[in-house]
Amino acid sequence: KINHHHSSIMPEGIVTAEPITETEVRDLFQLWNGALATKDPEKVAARYSKEGVLLPTVSDTPRTDYPGIVDYFTNFLKLEPQGEIESGNIIIGTNWAQDAGIYEFTMGATGAKVKGRYTFVYVF
């Protein structure tokens, strides 16, 4: 009968956390918001990971691939949106972070404001 058994992965197989601060996580939103300001849907879509999922603010259609994300932003950017986080909560894990809360877009083309919930999950 086994009295003691120890098993572990080899040290080179351990994923170590890349350090990131809450300020750096929030700055990632500013990179995305800056991509919106370019009015280039390809630049905005490039901010999403290969398996990125977009549940859009002003559309009921989930976008689960790069062409779908580009398609959404092709239309959304015509409104000249600029976002501002009103409140949010940041959680940091091993090589990922989540920022979730309430943001508001001001549409430069019309002056309209759109408030919504957001969740960004970043991987790095």
N, C-alpha and C. Protein backbone atom coordinates (compact mmCIF):
# COMPACT_ATOMS: atom_id res chain seq x y z
N LYS A 1 0.84 -1.18 0.00
CA LYS A 1 0.00 0.00 0.00
C LYS A 1 0.89 1.25 0.00
N ILE A 2 0.42 2.32 -0.70
CA ILE A 2 1.20 3.56 -0.78
C ILE A 2 1.06 4.30 0.54
N ASN A 3 2.20 4.64 1.12
CA ASN A 3 2.23 5.39 2.36
C ASN A 3 2.38 6.88 2.11
N HIS A 4 3.09 7.24 1.06
CA HIS A 4 3.30 8.65 0.73
C HIS A 4 3.52 8.75 -0.77
N HIS A 5 2.90 9.71 -1.41
CA HIS A 5 3.07 9.93 -2.84
C HIS A 5 3.08 11.43 -3.06
N HIS A 6 4.12 11.92 -3.71
CA HIS A 6 4.22 13.34 -4.04
C HIS A 6 4.35 13.45 -5.55
N SER A 7 3.58 14.33 -6.14
CA SER A 7 3.65 14.55 -7.57
C SER A 7 3.57 16.05 -7.82
N SER A 8 4.40 16.55 -8.70
CA SER A 8 4.35 17.98 -9.03
C SER A 8 4.86 18.18 -10.44
N ILE A 9 4.51 19.30 -11.02
CA ILE A 9 5.02 19.59 -12.35
C ILE A 9 6.45 20.07 -12.24
N MET A 10 7.17 19.94 -13.33
CA MET A 10 8.55 20.41 -13.36
C MET A 10 8.54 21.94 -13.33
N PRO A 11 9.54 22.58 -12.72
CA PRO A 11 9.55 24.04 -12.59
C PRO A 11 9.38 24.79 -13.91
N GLU A 12 9.91 24.25 -15.01
CA GLU A 12 9.79 24.95 -16.29
C GLU A 12 8.34 24.93 -16.80
N GLY A 13 7.46 24.13 -16.20
CA GLY A 13 6.06 24.08 -16.61
C GLY A 13 5.16 25.00 -15.82
N ILE A 14 5.72 25.73 -14.88
CA ILE A 14 4.93 26.61 -14.03
C ILE A 14 4.70 27.94 -14.74
N VAL A 15 3.44 28.35 -14.80
CA VAL A 15 3.12 29.66 -15.37
C VAL A 15 3.23 30.68 -14.25
N THR A 16 4.10 31.65 -14.45
CA THR A 16 4.25 32.68 -13.44
C THR A 16 3.46 33.92 -13.87
N ALA A 17 2.97 34.62 -12.92
CA ALA A 17 2.15 35.80 -13.20
C ALA A 17 3.01 36.94 -13.72
N GLU A 18 2.51 37.57 -14.78
CA GLU A 18 3.11 38.81 -15.25
C GLU A 18 2.53 39.91 -14.38
N PRO A 19 3.37 40.73 -13.76
CA PRO A 19 2.83 41.76 -12.87
C PRO A 19 2.08 42.85 -13.65
N ILE A 20 0.95 43.24 -13.12
CA ILE A 20 0.17 44.35 -13.69
C ILE A 20 -0.57 45.01 -12.53
N THR A 21 -0.69 46.31 -12.59
CA THR A 21 -1.37 47.06 -11.54
C THR A 21 -2.78 47.42 -11.99
N GLU A 22 -3.60 47.83 -11.06
CA GLU A 22 -4.96 48.27 -11.40
C GLU A 22 -4.91 49.48 -12.34
N THR A 23 -3.96 50.36 -12.13
CA THR A 23 -3.80 51.53 -13.02
C THR A 23 -3.48 51.08 -14.44
N GLU A 24 -2.60 50.10 -14.56
CA GLU A 24 -2.25 49.59 -15.89
C GLU A 24 -3.45 48.91 -16.57
N VAL A 25 -4.26 48.21 -15.78
CA VAL A 25 -5.46 47.59 -16.34
C VAL A 25 -6.40 48.67 -16.85
N ARG A 26 -6.63 49.69 -16.07
CA ARG A 26 -7.52 50.76 -16.49
C ARG A 26 -6.97 51.49 -17.72
N ASP A 27 -5.64 51.59 -17.81
CA ASP A 27 -5.01 52.21 -18.99
C ASP A 27 -5.28 51.41 -20.27
N LEU A 28 -5.53 50.11 -20.14
CA LEU A 28 -5.86 49.31 -21.32
C LEU A 28 -7.16 49.79 -21.95
N PHE A 29 -8.10 50.27 -21.13
CA PHE A 29 -9.33 50.86 -21.67
C PHE A 29 -8.99 52.08 -22.52
N GLN A 30 -8.04 52.88 -22.06
CA GLN A 30 -7.67 54.08 -22.81
C GLN A 30 -7.04 53.73 -24.16
N LEU A 31 -6.32 52.62 -24.23
CA LEU A 31 -5.79 52.17 -25.52
C LEU A 31 -6.93 51.82 -26.47
N TRP A 32 -7.93 51.14 -25.95
CA TRP A 32 -9.11 50.78 -26.76
C TRP A 32 -9.87 52.03 -27.16
N ASN A 33 -10.08 52.93 -26.23
CA ASN A 33 -10.78 54.19 -26.51
C ASN A 33 -10.01 55.02 -27.54
N GLY A 34 -8.69 54.99 -27.46
CA GLY A 34 -7.86 55.67 -28.45
C GLY A 34 -8.02 55.05 -29.83
N ALA A 35 -8.16 53.72 -29.87
CA ALA A 35 -8.40 53.05 -31.15
C ALA A 35 -9.74 53.50 -31.74
N LEU A 36 -10.74 53.70 -30.89
CA LEU A 36 -12.03 54.23 -31.38
C LEU A 36 -11.83 55.59 -32.04
N ALA A 37 -10.99 56.42 -31.45
CA ALA A 37 -10.77 57.79 -31.95
C ALA A 37 -10.13 57.80 -33.34
N THR A 38 -9.47 56.70 -33.74
CA THR A 38 -8.87 56.65 -35.07
C THR A 38 -9.94 56.49 -36.16
N LYS A 39 -11.12 56.07 -35.78
CA LYS A 39 -12.24 55.79 -36.70
C LYS A 39 -11.91 54.67 -37.68
N ASP A 40 -10.94 53.84 -37.32
CA ASP A 40 -10.50 52.73 -38.17
C ASP A 40 -10.95 51.42 -37.51
N PRO A 41 -11.96 50.74 -38.08
CA PRO A 41 -12.47 49.51 -37.46
C PRO A 41 -11.41 48.41 -37.35
N GLU A 42 -10.45 48.38 -38.26
CA GLU A 42 -9.39 47.37 -38.20
C GLU A 42 -8.50 47.61 -36.96
N LYS A 43 -8.22 48.87 -36.66
CA LYS A 43 -7.39 49.18 -35.48
C LYS A 43 -8.12 48.81 -34.19
N VAL A 44 -9.43 49.05 -34.17
CA VAL A 44 -10.20 48.68 -32.97
C VAL A 44 -10.24 47.16 -32.84
N ALA A 45 -10.54 46.47 -33.92
CA ALA A 45 -10.63 45.00 -33.89
C ALA A 45 -9.29 44.37 -33.50
N ALA A 46 -8.19 45.03 -33.84
CA ALA A 46 -6.87 44.52 -33.50
C ALA A 46 -6.62 44.51 -31.99
N ARG A 47 -7.42 45.24 -31.23
CA ARG A 47 -7.28 45.27 -29.77
C ARG A 47 -7.85 43.99 -29.14
N TYR A 48 -8.58 43.18 -29.91
CA TYR A 48 -9.21 41.96 -29.40
C TYR A 48 -8.32 40.75 -29.65
N SER A 49 -8.36 39.78 -28.74
CA SER A 49 -7.57 38.57 -28.91
C SER A 49 -8.15 37.70 -30.02
N LYS A 50 -7.40 36.71 -30.42
CA LYS A 50 -7.80 35.82 -31.51
C LYS A 50 -9.17 35.19 -31.23
N GLU A 51 -9.43 34.83 -30.00
CA GLU A 51 -10.71 34.22 -29.62
C GLU A 51 -11.62 35.22 -28.93
N GLY A 52 -11.43 36.51 -29.22
CA GLY A 52 -12.20 37.55 -28.55
C GLY A 52 -13.69 37.46 -28.84
N VAL A 53 -14.47 37.87 -27.85
CA VAL A 53 -15.92 37.93 -27.98
C VAL A 53 -16.35 39.35 -27.66
N LEU A 54 -17.15 39.93 -28.53
CA LEU A 54 -17.69 41.27 -28.33
C LEU A 54 -19.20 41.16 -28.20
N LEU A 55 -19.72 41.61 -27.06
CA LEU A 55 -21.15 41.77 -26.86
C LEU A 55 -21.40 43.28 -26.92
N PRO A 56 -21.77 43.78 -28.10
CA PRO A 56 -21.75 45.23 -28.35
C PRO A 56 -22.74 46.04 -27.53
N THR A 57 -22.39 47.32 -27.38
CA THR A 57 -23.24 48.26 -26.65
C THR A 57 -24.51 48.57 -27.42
N VAL A 58 -24.41 48.77 -28.73
CA VAL A 58 -25.58 49.21 -29.49
C VAL A 58 -25.98 48.19 -30.57
N SER A 59 -25.85 46.90 -30.25
CA SER A 59 -26.28 45.84 -31.15
C SER A 59 -26.62 44.62 -30.30
N ASP A 60 -27.60 43.84 -30.76
CA ASP A 60 -27.97 42.62 -30.06
C ASP A 60 -27.25 41.39 -30.61
N THR A 61 -26.35 41.58 -31.57
CA THR A 61 -25.66 40.46 -32.21
C THR A 61 -24.27 40.27 -31.62
N PRO A 62 -24.02 39.14 -30.94
CA PRO A 62 -22.66 38.87 -30.45
C PRO A 62 -21.69 38.74 -31.63
N ARG A 63 -20.48 39.24 -31.45
CA ARG A 63 -19.44 39.14 -32.48
C ARG A 63 -18.36 38.24 -31.92
N THR A 64 -18.12 37.11 -32.58
CA THR A 64 -17.22 36.09 -32.04
C THR A 64 -16.02 35.81 -32.94
N ASP A 65 -15.82 36.64 -33.95
CA ASP A 65 -14.64 36.49 -34.79
C ASP A 65 -14.21 37.86 -35.30
N TYR A 66 -13.00 37.90 -35.84
CA TYR A 66 -12.43 39.17 -36.28
C TYR A 66 -13.31 39.89 -37.32
N PRO A 67 -13.79 39.19 -38.37
CA PRO A 67 -14.64 39.89 -39.34
C PRO A 67 -15.91 40.47 -38.71
N GLY A 68 -16.49 39.76 -37.76
CA GLY A 68 -17.69 40.25 -37.09
C GLY A 68 -17.41 41.49 -36.26
N ILE A 69 -16.26 41.51 -35.59
CA ILE A 69 -15.87 42.67 -34.79
C ILE A 69 -15.62 43.87 -35.69
N VAL A 70 -14.93 43.65 -36.80
CA VAL A 70 -14.69 44.73 -37.76
C VAL A 70 -16.02 45.27 -38.28
N ASP A 71 -16.95 44.36 -38.61
CA ASP A 71 -18.26 44.77 -39.12
C ASP A 71 -18.99 45.67 -38.13
N TYR A 72 -19.00 45.27 -36.86
CA TYR A 72 -19.67 46.10 -35.86
C TYR A 72 -19.05 47.49 -35.78
N PHE A 73 -17.74 47.54 -35.70
CA PHE A 73 -17.08 48.84 -35.53
C PHE A 73 -17.13 49.69 -36.81
N THR A 74 -17.27 49.06 -37.96
CA THR A 74 -17.43 49.83 -39.19
C THR A 74 -18.64 50.76 -39.08
N ASN A 75 -19.71 50.26 -38.50
CA ASN A 75 -20.92 51.08 -38.32
C ASN A 75 -20.86 51.94 -37.07
N PHE A 76 -20.41 51.37 -35.96
CA PHE A 76 -20.39 52.09 -34.69
C PHE A 76 -19.49 53.33 -34.75
N LEU A 77 -18.36 53.22 -35.43
CA LEU A 77 -17.41 54.34 -35.49
C LEU A 77 -17.95 55.53 -36.27
N LYS A 78 -18.96 55.33 -37.10
CA LYS A 78 -19.59 56.45 -37.80
C LYS A 78 -20.23 57.44 -36.82
N LEU A 79 -20.53 56.96 -35.61
CA LEU A 79 -21.11 57.81 -34.56
C LEU A 79 -20.04 58.62 -33.83
N GLU A 80 -18.77 58.34 -34.10
CA GLU A 80 -17.63 59.00 -33.45
C GLU A 80 -17.69 58.86 -31.92
N PRO A 81 -17.76 57.62 -31.43
CA PRO A 81 -17.89 57.41 -29.98
C PRO A 81 -16.60 57.66 -29.22
N GLN A 82 -16.75 58.21 -28.03
CA GLN A 82 -15.65 58.28 -27.06
C GLN A 82 -16.22 57.88 -25.72
N GLY A 83 -15.56 56.89 -25.10
CA GLY A 83 -16.07 56.34 -23.86
C GLY A 83 -15.38 56.91 -22.63
N GLU A 84 -16.12 56.88 -21.55
CA GLU A 84 -15.58 57.28 -20.24
C GLU A 84 -16.12 56.32 -19.20
N ILE A 85 -15.22 55.76 -18.41
CA ILE A 85 -15.64 54.86 -17.33
C ILE A 85 -16.16 55.70 -16.18
N GLU A 86 -17.38 55.41 -15.76
CA GLU A 86 -17.97 56.12 -14.62
C GLU A 86 -17.65 55.41 -13.31
N SER A 87 -17.69 54.10 -13.33
CA SER A 87 -17.32 53.32 -12.15
C SER A 87 -16.96 51.92 -12.62
N GLY A 88 -16.04 51.30 -11.90
CA GLY A 88 -15.62 49.96 -12.29
C GLY A 88 -14.89 49.24 -11.18
N ASN A 89 -14.79 47.94 -11.36
CA ASN A 89 -14.13 47.08 -10.40
C ASN A 89 -13.11 46.23 -11.16
N ILE A 90 -11.89 46.18 -10.69
CA ILE A 90 -10.82 45.46 -11.36
C ILE A 90 -10.42 44.25 -10.53
N ILE A 91 -10.30 43.10 -11.21
CA ILE A 91 -9.81 41.87 -10.61
C ILE A 91 -8.59 41.43 -11.42
N ILE A 92 -7.51 41.09 -10.74
CA ILE A 92 -6.28 40.67 -11.42
C ILE A 92 -5.98 39.22 -11.06
N GLY A 93 -5.75 38.41 -12.11
CA GLY A 93 -5.38 37.01 -11.93
C GLY A 93 -4.03 36.74 -12.56
N THR A 94 -3.70 35.46 -12.74
CA THR A 94 -2.45 35.07 -13.36
C THR A 94 -2.55 35.27 -14.87
N ASN A 95 -1.90 36.32 -15.35
CA ASN A 95 -1.87 36.66 -16.77
C ASN A 95 -3.23 36.99 -17.36
N TRP A 96 -4.13 37.48 -16.52
CA TRP A 96 -5.41 38.00 -16.98
C TRP A 96 -5.89 39.05 -15.99
N ALA A 97 -6.77 39.90 -16.47
CA ALA A 97 -7.40 40.89 -15.60
C ALA A 97 -8.79 41.17 -16.13
N GLN A 98 -9.67 41.52 -15.22
CA GLN A 98 -11.04 41.88 -15.59
C GLN A 98 -11.34 43.28 -15.07
N ASP A 99 -11.96 44.08 -15.91
CA ASP A 99 -12.42 45.41 -15.53
C ASP A 99 -13.90 45.46 -15.90
N ALA A 100 -14.76 45.62 -14.91
CA ALA A 100 -16.21 45.60 -15.16
C ALA A 100 -16.86 46.77 -14.43
N GLY A 101 -17.85 47.36 -15.07
CA GLY A 101 -18.55 48.47 -14.42
C GLY A 101 -19.52 49.16 -15.37
N ILE A 102 -19.61 50.48 -15.20
CA ILE A 102 -20.51 51.32 -16.00
C ILE A 102 -19.67 52.32 -16.78
N TYR A 103 -19.96 52.44 -18.09
CA TYR A 103 -19.31 53.48 -18.88
C TYR A 103 -20.36 54.23 -19.68
N GLU A 104 -19.93 55.37 -20.19
CA GLU A 104 -20.82 56.18 -21.01
C GLU A 104 -20.08 56.64 -22.25
N PHE A 105 -20.74 56.50 -23.39
CA PHE A 105 -20.20 56.99 -24.65
C PHE A 105 -20.85 58.31 -24.99
N THR A 106 -20.04 59.25 -25.46
CA THR A 106 -20.55 60.46 -26.09
C THR A 106 -20.30 60.29 -27.58
N MET A 107 -21.38 60.41 -28.34
CA MET A 107 -21.28 60.24 -29.79
C MET A 107 -20.98 61.60 -30.42
N GLY A 108 -19.75 61.75 -30.89
CA GLY A 108 -19.32 63.02 -31.45
C GLY A 108 -20.15 63.47 -32.64
N ALA A 109 -20.70 62.52 -33.40
CA ALA A 109 -21.48 62.86 -34.60
C ALA A 109 -22.81 63.50 -34.26
N THR A 110 -23.36 63.16 -33.10
CA THR A 110 -24.71 63.64 -32.75
C THR A 110 -24.79 64.33 -31.40
N GLY A 111 -23.79 64.11 -30.55
CA GLY A 111 -23.84 64.62 -29.18
C GLY A 111 -24.62 63.72 -28.24
N ALA A 112 -25.22 62.66 -28.78
CA ALA A 112 -25.98 61.73 -27.94
C ALA A 112 -25.06 61.01 -26.96
N LYS A 113 -25.65 60.61 -25.84
CA LYS A 113 -24.92 59.85 -24.83
C LYS A 113 -25.57 58.49 -24.67
N VAL A 114 -24.74 57.47 -24.54
CA VAL A 114 -25.22 56.10 -24.35
C VAL A 114 -24.47 55.52 -23.16
N LYS A 115 -25.23 55.15 -22.12
CA LYS A 115 -24.65 54.57 -20.92
C LYS A 115 -24.89 53.07 -20.96
N GLY A 116 -23.92 52.31 -20.49
CA GLY A 116 -24.08 50.86 -20.48
C GLY A 116 -23.16 50.18 -19.50
N ARG A 117 -23.43 48.90 -19.30
CA ARG A 117 -22.53 48.07 -18.50
C ARG A 117 -21.40 47.60 -19.41
N TYR A 118 -20.24 47.36 -18.81
CA TYR A 118 -19.12 46.81 -19.59
C TYR A 118 -18.39 45.77 -18.77
N THR A 119 -17.76 44.86 -19.48
CA THR A 119 -16.80 43.94 -18.91
C THR A 119 -15.72 43.73 -19.94
N PHE A 120 -14.49 44.03 -19.57
CA PHE A 120 -13.33 43.73 -20.40
C PHE A 120 -12.53 42.67 -19.67
N VAL A 121 -12.22 41.57 -20.34
CA VAL A 121 -11.33 40.56 -19.78
C VAL A 121 -10.09 40.59 -20.65
N TYR A 122 -8.97 40.95 -20.04
CA TYR A 122 -7.70 41.07 -20.74
C TYR A 122 -6.83 39.86 -20.45
N VAL A 123 -6.14 39.39 -21.48
CA VAL A 123 -5.16 38.32 -21.31
C VAL A 123 -3.82 38.84 -21.78
N PHE A 124 -2.76 38.41 -21.09
CA PHE A 124 -1.41 38.90 -21.45
C PHE A 124 -0.38 37.86 -21.06
